[in-house]
Amino acid sequence: MTLKRILGALTLLLTPALAFAHPGHDDNGLIAGIGHPLGGLDHLLAMLAVGLWAAQQQGAARLALPCTFVGSMFIGGLLGFEGLNLPALESGIAASVLALGLAVALAVRPPLVMALGATALFALFHGVAHGLELPDMSSPWTYAAGFVAATAVLHAAGYALVRVLPQAAAPLVRLAGAASAATGVWLLAG
């Protein structure tokens, strides 16, 4: 798939959001759900890193990592809707930025069960945070649809970036992972 087609598909996915960019549409939560992963640096970096890391993998891990993240994040969102708060929630999210960034920077390929376990745990933290921030008067289901869709698009963007770039650009992807990991350290220190 060419970069032009990928960017075209992403544009089409985000086009409905443009129609709601001005007041008066009584957002039912969808736009807020889309905006949450896009609006926070910690969420944005983690979501992109999952896609980058998945593209560095082989076999089933390429699809399993992003699918595990989305599924576990959704479950975490449901728990957040019910008011469950995880201890050290913000630290867990910052740690996910650090760990996922390192995974990309080092292009690690751990055993699949270990990679899926870490991915699921990180996603749970992100999902609970999303769920706890459900805007007043929003439908939890449309809000969840928004943050799930935005997360999937960010995973796909990270994955596509690695798959479209020539192999010679692999050091740039690793550098992006290192920058994400450094941001995770900064978030943990802050």
Protein backbone atom coordinates (compact mmCIF):
# COMPACT_ATOMS: atom_id res chain seq x y z
CA MET A 1 0.00 0.00 0.00
CA THR A 2 1.45 3.37 -0.92
CA LEU A 3 1.89 6.27 1.46
CA LYS A 4 -0.52 8.32 -0.65
CA ARG A 5 -3.28 5.71 -0.20
CA ILE A 6 -2.65 5.44 3.53
CA LEU A 7 -2.80 9.20 3.99
CA GLY A 8 -5.95 9.31 1.88
CA ALA A 9 -7.61 6.68 4.03
CA LEU A 10 -6.63 8.50 7.22
CA THR A 11 -8.02 11.74 5.81
CA LEU A 12 -11.33 10.08 5.05
CA LEU A 13 -11.48 8.61 8.54
CA LEU A 14 -10.97 12.00 10.15
CA THR A 15 -13.14 14.06 7.77
CA PRO A 16 -16.37 13.62 9.77
CA ALA A 17 -14.62 15.27 12.72
CA LEU A 18 -14.18 18.46 10.70
CA ALA A 19 -17.93 18.92 10.42
CA PHE A 20 -18.17 18.98 14.23
CA ALA A 21 -15.27 21.36 14.76
CA HIS A 22 -17.60 24.24 15.52
CA PRO A 23 -20.21 24.49 18.29
CA GLY A 24 -23.85 23.62 17.97
CA HIS A 25 -23.77 19.95 17.11
CA ASP A 26 -24.43 18.50 20.57
CA ASP A 27 -21.46 16.15 20.56
CA ASN A 28 -22.54 12.82 22.05
CA GLY A 29 -18.99 11.99 23.05
CA LEU A 30 -17.55 10.74 19.77
CA ILE A 31 -15.44 13.84 19.10
CA ALA A 32 -14.27 13.96 22.72
CA GLY A 33 -13.33 10.29 22.45
CA ILE A 34 -11.36 10.90 19.27
CA GLY A 35 -9.68 13.92 20.78
CA HIS A 36 -8.47 12.27 23.98
CA PRO A 37 -5.73 10.06 22.47
CA LEU A 38 -4.78 12.80 20.01
CA GLY A 39 -4.68 15.61 22.55
CA GLY A 40 -2.36 14.18 25.18
CA LEU A 41 1.34 13.78 24.39
CA ASP A 42 1.58 10.69 26.60
CA HIS A 43 -1.29 8.94 24.85
CA LEU A 44 -0.19 10.05 21.38
CA LEU A 45 3.37 8.77 21.80
CA ALA A 46 2.29 5.44 23.29
CA MET A 47 -0.27 4.80 20.53
CA LEU A 48 2.21 5.60 17.77
CA ALA A 49 4.89 3.49 19.46
CA VAL A 50 2.62 0.44 19.48
CA GLY A 51 2.23 0.75 15.71
CA LEU A 52 5.96 1.32 15.17
CA TRP A 53 6.84 -1.62 17.40
CA ALA A 54 4.30 -3.90 15.75
CA ALA A 55 5.80 -3.13 12.35
CA GLN A 56 9.24 -4.12 13.66
CA GLN A 57 7.91 -7.56 14.61
CA GLN A 58 7.45 -10.72 12.60
CA GLY A 59 4.49 -13.03 12.15
CA ALA A 60 1.47 -12.89 14.43
CA ALA A 61 2.95 -10.16 16.65
CA ARG A 62 2.42 -7.59 13.90
CA LEU A 63 -1.33 -7.77 14.30
CA ALA A 64 -1.52 -9.12 17.84
CA LEU A 65 0.20 -6.15 19.50
CA PRO A 66 -2.14 -3.41 18.23
CA CYS A 67 -5.23 -5.60 18.61
CA THR A 68 -4.27 -6.46 22.18
CA PHE A 69 -3.71 -2.80 22.97
CA VAL A 70 -7.08 -1.75 21.54
CA GLY A 71 -8.98 -4.57 23.26
CA SER A 72 -7.34 -4.06 26.65
CA MET A 73 -7.73 -0.30 26.39
CA PHE A 74 -11.45 -0.75 25.71
CA ILE A 75 -11.78 -2.95 28.81
CA GLY A 76 -9.87 -0.35 30.81
CA GLY A 77 -12.22 2.32 29.48
CA LEU A 78 -15.23 0.35 30.68
CA LEU A 79 -13.63 0.03 34.11
CA GLY A 80 -12.95 3.75 34.13
CA PHE A 81 -16.57 4.47 33.24
CA GLU A 82 -17.49 2.57 36.42
CA GLY A 83 -15.14 4.75 38.45
CA LEU A 84 -12.30 2.28 38.94
CA ASN A 85 -9.02 4.11 39.37
CA LEU A 86 -5.69 2.29 39.20
CA PRO A 87 -2.96 3.17 41.66
CA ALA A 88 -0.23 5.29 40.10
CA LEU A 89 -2.35 5.75 36.95
CA GLU A 90 -0.34 8.64 35.52
CA SER A 91 2.95 6.93 36.36
CA GLY A 92 1.75 3.78 34.60
CA ILE A 93 0.93 5.79 31.49
CA ALA A 94 4.31 7.56 31.60
CA ALA A 95 6.02 4.19 32.09
CA SER A 96 4.23 2.91 28.99
CA VAL A 97 5.66 5.80 26.95
CA LEU A 98 9.12 4.97 28.26
CA ALA A 99 8.87 1.20 27.77
CA LEU A 100 7.20 1.29 24.36
CA GLY A 101 9.68 3.92 23.20
CA LEU A 102 12.56 1.70 24.34
CA ALA A 103 11.00 -1.29 22.60
CA VAL A 104 11.00 0.67 19.34
CA ALA A 105 14.45 2.17 19.90
CA LEU A 106 15.97 -1.25 20.56
CA ALA A 107 13.69 -3.06 18.06
CA VAL A 108 13.21 -5.79 20.66
CA ARG A 109 11.39 -8.99 19.80
CA PRO A 110 10.50 -10.63 23.09
CA PRO A 111 8.47 -13.82 23.28
CA LEU A 112 4.96 -13.06 22.06
CA VAL A 113 3.29 -13.81 25.39
CA MET A 114 5.59 -11.36 27.16
CA ALA A 115 5.03 -8.64 24.54
CA LEU A 116 1.27 -9.13 24.70
CA GLY A 117 1.24 -9.07 28.50
CA ALA A 118 3.15 -5.79 28.66
CA THR A 119 1.03 -4.29 25.89
CA ALA A 120 -2.20 -5.31 27.63
CA LEU A 121 -1.04 -3.84 30.95
CA PHE A 122 -0.05 -0.53 29.36
CA ALA A 123 -3.32 -0.40 27.45
CA LEU A 124 -5.30 -0.98 30.62
CA PHE A 125 -3.75 2.14 32.17
CA HIS A 126 -4.56 4.20 29.08
CA GLY A 127 -8.10 2.85 28.92
CA VAL A 128 -8.87 3.58 32.57
CA ALA A 129 -7.62 7.14 32.06
CA HIS A 130 -9.88 7.52 29.02
CA GLY A 131 -12.84 6.12 30.92
CA LEU A 132 -12.34 8.33 33.96
CA GLU A 133 -12.38 11.38 31.70
CA LEU A 134 -15.80 10.66 30.18
CA PRO A 135 -17.29 14.11 29.57
CA ASP A 136 -20.58 14.97 31.27
CA MET A 137 -23.65 14.26 29.17
CA SER A 138 -21.69 12.00 26.79
CA SER A 139 -22.64 8.50 25.82
CA PRO A 140 -19.96 6.13 27.11
CA TRP A 141 -20.39 4.00 24.00
CA THR A 142 -19.82 6.80 21.48
CA TYR A 143 -16.97 8.17 23.59
CA ALA A 144 -15.41 4.68 23.63
CA ALA A 145 -15.94 4.35 19.87
CA GLY A 146 -14.05 7.61 19.47
CA PHE A 147 -11.03 6.71 21.56
CA VAL A 148 -10.89 3.21 20.09
CA ALA A 149 -11.02 4.56 16.52
CA ALA A 150 -8.40 7.24 17.19
CA THR A 151 -6.12 4.68 18.83
CA ALA A 152 -6.47 2.27 15.90
CA VAL A 153 -5.66 5.08 13.46
CA LEU A 154 -2.55 6.03 15.46
CA HIS A 155 -1.44 2.39 15.58
CA ALA A 156 -1.99 2.14 11.81
CA ALA A 157 -0.06 5.37 11.20
CA GLY A 158 2.93 4.11 13.17
CA TYR A 159 2.78 0.73 11.46
CA ALA A 160 2.44 2.27 7.99
CA LEU A 161 5.33 4.62 8.60
CA VAL A 162 7.71 1.73 9.27
CA ARG A 163 6.37 -0.43 6.45
CA VAL A 164 6.46 2.37 3.85
CA LEU A 165 9.90 3.73 4.70
CA PRO A 166 12.86 2.07 3.04
CA GLN A 167 14.89 -0.25 5.27
CA ALA A 168 17.62 2.41 5.30
CA ALA A 169 15.30 4.60 7.41
CA ALA A 170 15.18 2.06 10.26
CA PRO A 171 17.63 4.15 12.33
CA LEU A 172 15.19 7.08 12.13
CA VAL A 173 12.41 4.90 13.52
CA ARG A 174 14.71 3.81 16.32
CA LEU A 175 15.58 7.44 16.98
CA ALA A 176 11.86 8.24 17.23
CA GLY A 177 11.54 5.43 19.77
CA ALA A 178 14.45 6.86 21.77
CA ALA A 179 12.81 10.31 21.73
CA SER A 180 9.57 8.75 22.97
CA ALA A 181 11.45 6.91 25.72
CA ALA A 182 13.15 10.17 26.75
CA THR A 183 9.74 11.81 26.91
CA GLY A 184 8.57 8.96 29.14
CA VAL A 185 11.47 9.64 31.50
CA TRP A 186 10.54 13.33 31.52
CA LEU A 187 6.89 12.48 32.26
CA LEU A 188 7.91 10.17 35.12
CA ALA A 189 10.16 12.84 36.60
CA GLY A 190 7.45 15.52 36.35
